[in-house]
Amino acid sequence: MEPNAVYAEPALKRLYWHSRRGMLELDLLLVPFASTQLADLTPQELEQYRALLAEEDQDLFLWLTRREPAPTPELCAAVALVLAHAARR
C-alpha cells in the first residue's frame, strides 16, 4: 500500500498523529514508521502499536534505544516492529 494510504483512514490518521511525540529521537523513529507501515499492519499489530503510543515518552525512549526492555510481550512486539523498520531505512 502506498504511504499516503494512512491518511485516508480516520483511525490510522489518529495513530499517525499520536506518533508525533515532540521528542526528536522518538519522532525520527515513530513518524516514518507510522507514515509507511500503519496501513499494512494486522489488527493485532495495530493494537500493539496503539498500546505503545499510550506509554510515556521517557519509557518509549528507553525501549526504542534498547536501554531497557519493554515490560510486556505486546509492547516488546511493537518496539520490534518500529526498530525493524528503522533498520531497513
N, C-alpha and C. Protein backbone atom coordinates (compact mmCIF):
# COMPACT_ATOMS: atom_id res chain seq x y z
N MET A 1 0.84 -1.17 0.00
CA MET A 1 0.00 0.00 0.00
C MET A 1 0.89 1.24 0.00
N GLU A 2 0.46 2.27 -0.65
CA GLU A 2 1.28 3.48 -0.73
C GLU A 2 1.29 4.22 0.60
N PRO A 3 2.36 4.98 0.89
CA PRO A 3 2.47 5.65 2.19
C PRO A 3 1.32 6.60 2.49
N ASN A 4 0.74 7.24 1.50
CA ASN A 4 -0.33 8.19 1.77
C ASN A 4 -1.64 7.52 2.15
N ALA A 5 -1.72 6.20 2.02
CA ALA A 5 -2.94 5.48 2.38
C ALA A 5 -3.28 5.65 3.85
N VAL A 6 -2.29 5.89 4.67
CA VAL A 6 -2.52 6.07 6.11
C VAL A 6 -3.40 7.30 6.37
N TYR A 7 -3.36 8.27 5.50
CA TYR A 7 -4.12 9.50 5.71
C TYR A 7 -5.59 9.36 5.34
N ALA A 8 -5.96 8.31 4.62
CA ALA A 8 -7.33 8.13 4.18
C ALA A 8 -8.22 7.52 5.26
N GLU A 9 -7.67 6.73 6.13
CA GLU A 9 -8.43 6.02 7.16
C GLU A 9 -8.37 6.81 8.47
N PRO A 10 -9.53 7.24 9.02
CA PRO A 10 -9.51 8.07 10.24
C PRO A 10 -8.76 7.44 11.42
N ALA A 11 -8.93 6.13 11.65
CA ALA A 11 -8.24 5.50 12.79
C ALA A 11 -6.73 5.52 12.58
N LEU A 12 -6.28 5.29 11.35
CA LEU A 12 -4.85 5.33 11.07
C LEU A 12 -4.32 6.75 11.15
N LYS A 13 -5.14 7.69 10.74
CA LYS A 13 -4.75 9.10 10.81
C LYS A 13 -4.51 9.50 12.27
N ARG A 14 -5.38 9.03 13.17
CA ARG A 14 -5.20 9.33 14.60
C ARG A 14 -3.91 8.69 15.13
N LEU A 15 -3.65 7.44 14.73
CA LEU A 15 -2.41 6.79 15.17
C LEU A 15 -1.19 7.53 14.64
N TYR A 16 -1.27 7.96 13.40
CA TYR A 16 -0.16 8.73 12.83
C TYR A 16 0.04 10.01 13.66
N TRP A 17 -1.03 10.71 13.95
CA TRP A 17 -0.93 11.96 14.70
C TRP A 17 -0.32 11.69 16.09
N HIS A 18 -0.71 10.62 16.74
CA HIS A 18 -0.18 10.29 18.07
C HIS A 18 1.28 9.81 18.00
N SER A 19 1.74 9.46 16.82
CA SER A 19 3.14 9.06 16.65
C SER A 19 4.06 10.27 16.72
N ARG A 20 3.53 11.44 16.51
CA ARG A 20 4.31 12.68 16.60
C ARG A 20 4.40 13.07 18.07
N ARG A 21 5.53 12.83 18.67
CA ARG A 21 5.67 12.98 20.11
C ARG A 21 6.25 14.32 20.54
N GLY A 22 7.00 14.98 19.68
CA GLY A 22 7.64 16.23 20.06
C GLY A 22 9.04 16.03 20.61
N MET A 23 9.45 14.80 20.76
CA MET A 23 10.82 14.48 21.19
C MET A 23 11.53 13.98 19.94
N LEU A 24 12.54 14.68 19.50
CA LEU A 24 13.17 14.41 18.22
C LEU A 24 13.55 12.94 18.04
N GLU A 25 14.15 12.35 19.04
CA GLU A 25 14.59 10.96 18.94
C GLU A 25 13.42 10.01 18.67
N LEU A 26 12.29 10.27 19.32
CA LEU A 26 11.11 9.44 19.09
C LEU A 26 10.48 9.74 17.74
N ASP A 27 10.40 11.00 17.39
CA ASP A 27 9.81 11.38 16.10
C ASP A 27 10.59 10.77 14.94
N LEU A 28 11.89 10.68 15.06
CA LEU A 28 12.70 10.12 13.97
C LEU A 28 12.44 8.62 13.77
N LEU A 29 11.96 7.96 14.79
CA LEU A 29 11.62 6.54 14.67
C LEU A 29 10.14 6.31 14.39
N LEU A 30 9.28 6.99 15.12
CA LEU A 30 7.85 6.71 15.05
C LEU A 30 7.16 7.30 13.83
N VAL A 31 7.49 8.52 13.43
CA VAL A 31 6.79 9.15 12.32
C VAL A 31 7.05 8.43 11.00
N PRO A 32 8.30 8.10 10.64
CA PRO A 32 8.49 7.34 9.40
C PRO A 32 7.81 5.97 9.45
N PHE A 33 7.86 5.32 10.59
CA PHE A 33 7.17 4.03 10.74
C PHE A 33 5.68 4.21 10.48
N ALA A 34 5.08 5.17 11.15
CA ALA A 34 3.64 5.38 11.01
C ALA A 34 3.25 5.76 9.59
N SER A 35 4.04 6.59 8.96
CA SER A 35 3.66 7.06 7.63
C SER A 35 3.78 5.99 6.56
N THR A 36 4.61 4.98 6.78
CA THR A 36 4.79 3.96 5.74
C THR A 36 4.26 2.58 6.12
N GLN A 37 4.05 2.30 7.39
CA GLN A 37 3.71 0.94 7.81
C GLN A 37 2.31 0.74 8.37
N LEU A 38 1.68 1.77 8.89
CA LEU A 38 0.40 1.58 9.57
C LEU A 38 -0.64 0.91 8.70
N ALA A 39 -0.74 1.30 7.46
CA ALA A 39 -1.77 0.74 6.57
C ALA A 39 -1.57 -0.75 6.30
N ASP A 40 -0.37 -1.26 6.53
CA ASP A 40 -0.08 -2.67 6.26
C ASP A 40 -0.06 -3.55 7.51
N LEU A 41 -0.27 -2.97 8.68
CA LEU A 41 -0.23 -3.76 9.92
C LEU A 41 -1.50 -4.58 10.09
N THR A 42 -1.36 -5.71 10.74
CA THR A 42 -2.52 -6.53 11.08
C THR A 42 -3.29 -5.85 12.21
N PRO A 43 -4.54 -6.23 12.45
CA PRO A 43 -5.28 -5.66 13.58
C PRO A 43 -4.54 -5.85 14.92
N GLN A 44 -3.92 -7.01 15.09
CA GLN A 44 -3.17 -7.25 16.34
C GLN A 44 -1.97 -6.30 16.43
N GLU A 45 -1.25 -6.11 15.35
CA GLU A 45 -0.11 -5.20 15.36
C GLU A 45 -0.55 -3.76 15.58
N LEU A 46 -1.68 -3.38 15.01
CA LEU A 46 -2.20 -2.03 15.24
C LEU A 46 -2.54 -1.83 16.71
N GLU A 47 -3.12 -2.84 17.34
CA GLU A 47 -3.44 -2.74 18.76
C GLU A 47 -2.17 -2.65 19.59
N GLN A 48 -1.15 -3.40 19.24
CA GLN A 48 0.13 -3.33 19.95
C GLN A 48 0.75 -1.95 19.79
N TYR A 49 0.69 -1.40 18.58
CA TYR A 49 1.25 -0.06 18.34
C TYR A 49 0.45 1.00 19.11
N ARG A 50 -0.87 0.84 19.14
CA ARG A 50 -1.72 1.77 19.89
C ARG A 50 -1.34 1.73 21.38
N ALA A 51 -1.11 0.53 21.90
CA ALA A 51 -0.71 0.40 23.31
C ALA A 51 0.65 1.04 23.54
N LEU A 52 1.56 0.89 22.58
CA LEU A 52 2.89 1.51 22.69
C LEU A 52 2.76 3.03 22.79
N LEU A 53 1.91 3.60 21.95
CA LEU A 53 1.76 5.06 21.93
C LEU A 53 1.10 5.59 23.20
N ALA A 54 0.43 4.73 23.95
CA ALA A 54 -0.20 5.16 25.20
C ALA A 54 0.81 5.31 26.33
N GLU A 55 2.02 4.86 26.11
CA GLU A 55 3.06 4.92 27.16
C GLU A 55 3.73 6.30 27.19
N GLU A 56 4.44 6.55 28.27
CA GLU A 56 5.16 7.81 28.46
C GLU A 56 6.38 7.91 27.54
N ASP A 57 6.69 9.13 27.11
CA ASP A 57 7.82 9.34 26.22
C ASP A 57 9.14 8.83 26.80
N GLN A 58 9.33 9.02 28.09
CA GLN A 58 10.58 8.57 28.72
C GLN A 58 10.74 7.06 28.59
N ASP A 59 9.64 6.35 28.76
CA ASP A 59 9.69 4.89 28.63
C ASP A 59 9.93 4.50 27.18
N LEU A 60 9.22 5.13 26.26
CA LEU A 60 9.41 4.84 24.84
C LEU A 60 10.87 5.05 24.44
N PHE A 61 11.45 6.13 24.92
CA PHE A 61 12.85 6.41 24.61
C PHE A 61 13.76 5.28 25.08
N LEU A 62 13.56 4.82 26.30
CA LEU A 62 14.39 3.74 26.83
C LEU A 62 14.22 2.45 26.03
N TRP A 63 12.99 2.14 25.66
CA TRP A 63 12.73 0.91 24.92
C TRP A 63 13.24 0.99 23.48
N LEU A 64 12.99 2.12 22.83
CA LEU A 64 13.36 2.25 21.42
C LEU A 64 14.86 2.47 21.22
N THR A 65 15.56 2.84 22.27
CA THR A 65 17.02 2.94 22.18
C THR A 65 17.68 1.70 22.78
N ARG A 66 16.87 0.72 23.11
CA ARG A 66 17.33 -0.57 23.64
C ARG A 66 18.09 -0.45 24.96
N ARG A 67 17.79 0.57 25.71
CA ARG A 67 18.42 0.72 27.03
C ARG A 67 17.72 -0.14 28.07
N GLU A 68 16.42 -0.38 27.84
CA GLU A 68 15.64 -1.25 28.72
C GLU A 68 14.65 -2.01 27.85
N PRO A 69 14.29 -3.21 28.25
CA PRO A 69 13.25 -3.93 27.50
C PRO A 69 11.86 -3.41 27.89
N ALA A 70 10.94 -3.47 26.97
CA ALA A 70 9.55 -3.12 27.28
C ALA A 70 9.01 -4.15 28.26
N PRO A 71 8.08 -3.76 29.13
CA PRO A 71 7.65 -4.66 30.21
C PRO A 71 6.69 -5.78 29.84
N THR A 72 6.05 -5.71 28.66
CA THR A 72 5.09 -6.76 28.30
C THR A 72 5.44 -7.30 26.91
N PRO A 73 5.01 -8.52 26.62
CA PRO A 73 5.27 -9.08 25.29
C PRO A 73 4.64 -8.25 24.17
N GLU A 74 3.46 -7.67 24.43
CA GLU A 74 2.79 -6.85 23.42
C GLU A 74 3.60 -5.60 23.10
N LEU A 75 4.11 -4.95 24.13
CA LEU A 75 4.92 -3.75 23.91
C LEU A 75 6.25 -4.12 23.25
N CYS A 76 6.82 -5.25 23.65
CA CYS A 76 8.06 -5.72 23.01
C CYS A 76 7.84 -5.95 21.52
N ALA A 77 6.69 -6.50 21.17
CA ALA A 77 6.39 -6.75 19.75
C ALA A 77 6.28 -5.44 18.99
N ALA A 78 5.63 -4.44 19.58
CA ALA A 78 5.50 -3.15 18.91
C ALA A 78 6.86 -2.46 18.77
N VAL A 79 7.68 -2.54 19.79
CA VAL A 79 9.03 -1.97 19.72
C VAL A 79 9.82 -2.66 18.61
N ALA A 80 9.69 -3.96 18.53
CA ALA A 80 10.40 -4.72 17.48
C ALA A 80 9.97 -4.30 16.09
N LEU A 81 8.68 -4.05 15.90
CA LEU A 81 8.19 -3.58 14.60
C LEU A 81 8.83 -2.25 14.21
N VAL A 82 8.85 -1.32 15.15
CA VAL A 82 9.41 0.01 14.88
C VAL A 82 10.90 -0.09 14.60
N LEU A 83 11.61 -0.86 15.40
CA LEU A 83 13.06 -0.97 15.22
C LEU A 83 13.42 -1.72 13.95
N ALA A 84 12.62 -2.71 13.57
CA ALA A 84 12.87 -3.42 12.30
C ALA A 84 12.70 -2.47 11.12
N HIS A 85 11.70 -1.63 11.19
CA HIS A 85 11.50 -0.64 10.13
C HIS A 85 12.68 0.33 10.07
N ALA A 86 13.13 0.79 11.22
CA ALA A 86 14.26 1.73 11.25
C ALA A 86 15.53 1.10 10.69
N ALA A 87 15.71 -0.19 10.94
CA ALA A 87 16.91 -0.89 10.45
C ALA A 87 16.89 -1.03 8.93
N ARG A 88 15.70 -1.09 8.34
CA ARG A 88 15.59 -1.22 6.88
C ARG A 88 15.80 0.09 6.15
N ARG A 89 15.71 1.21 6.85
CA ARG A 89 15.83 2.51 6.18
C ARG A 89 17.25 2.83 5.88
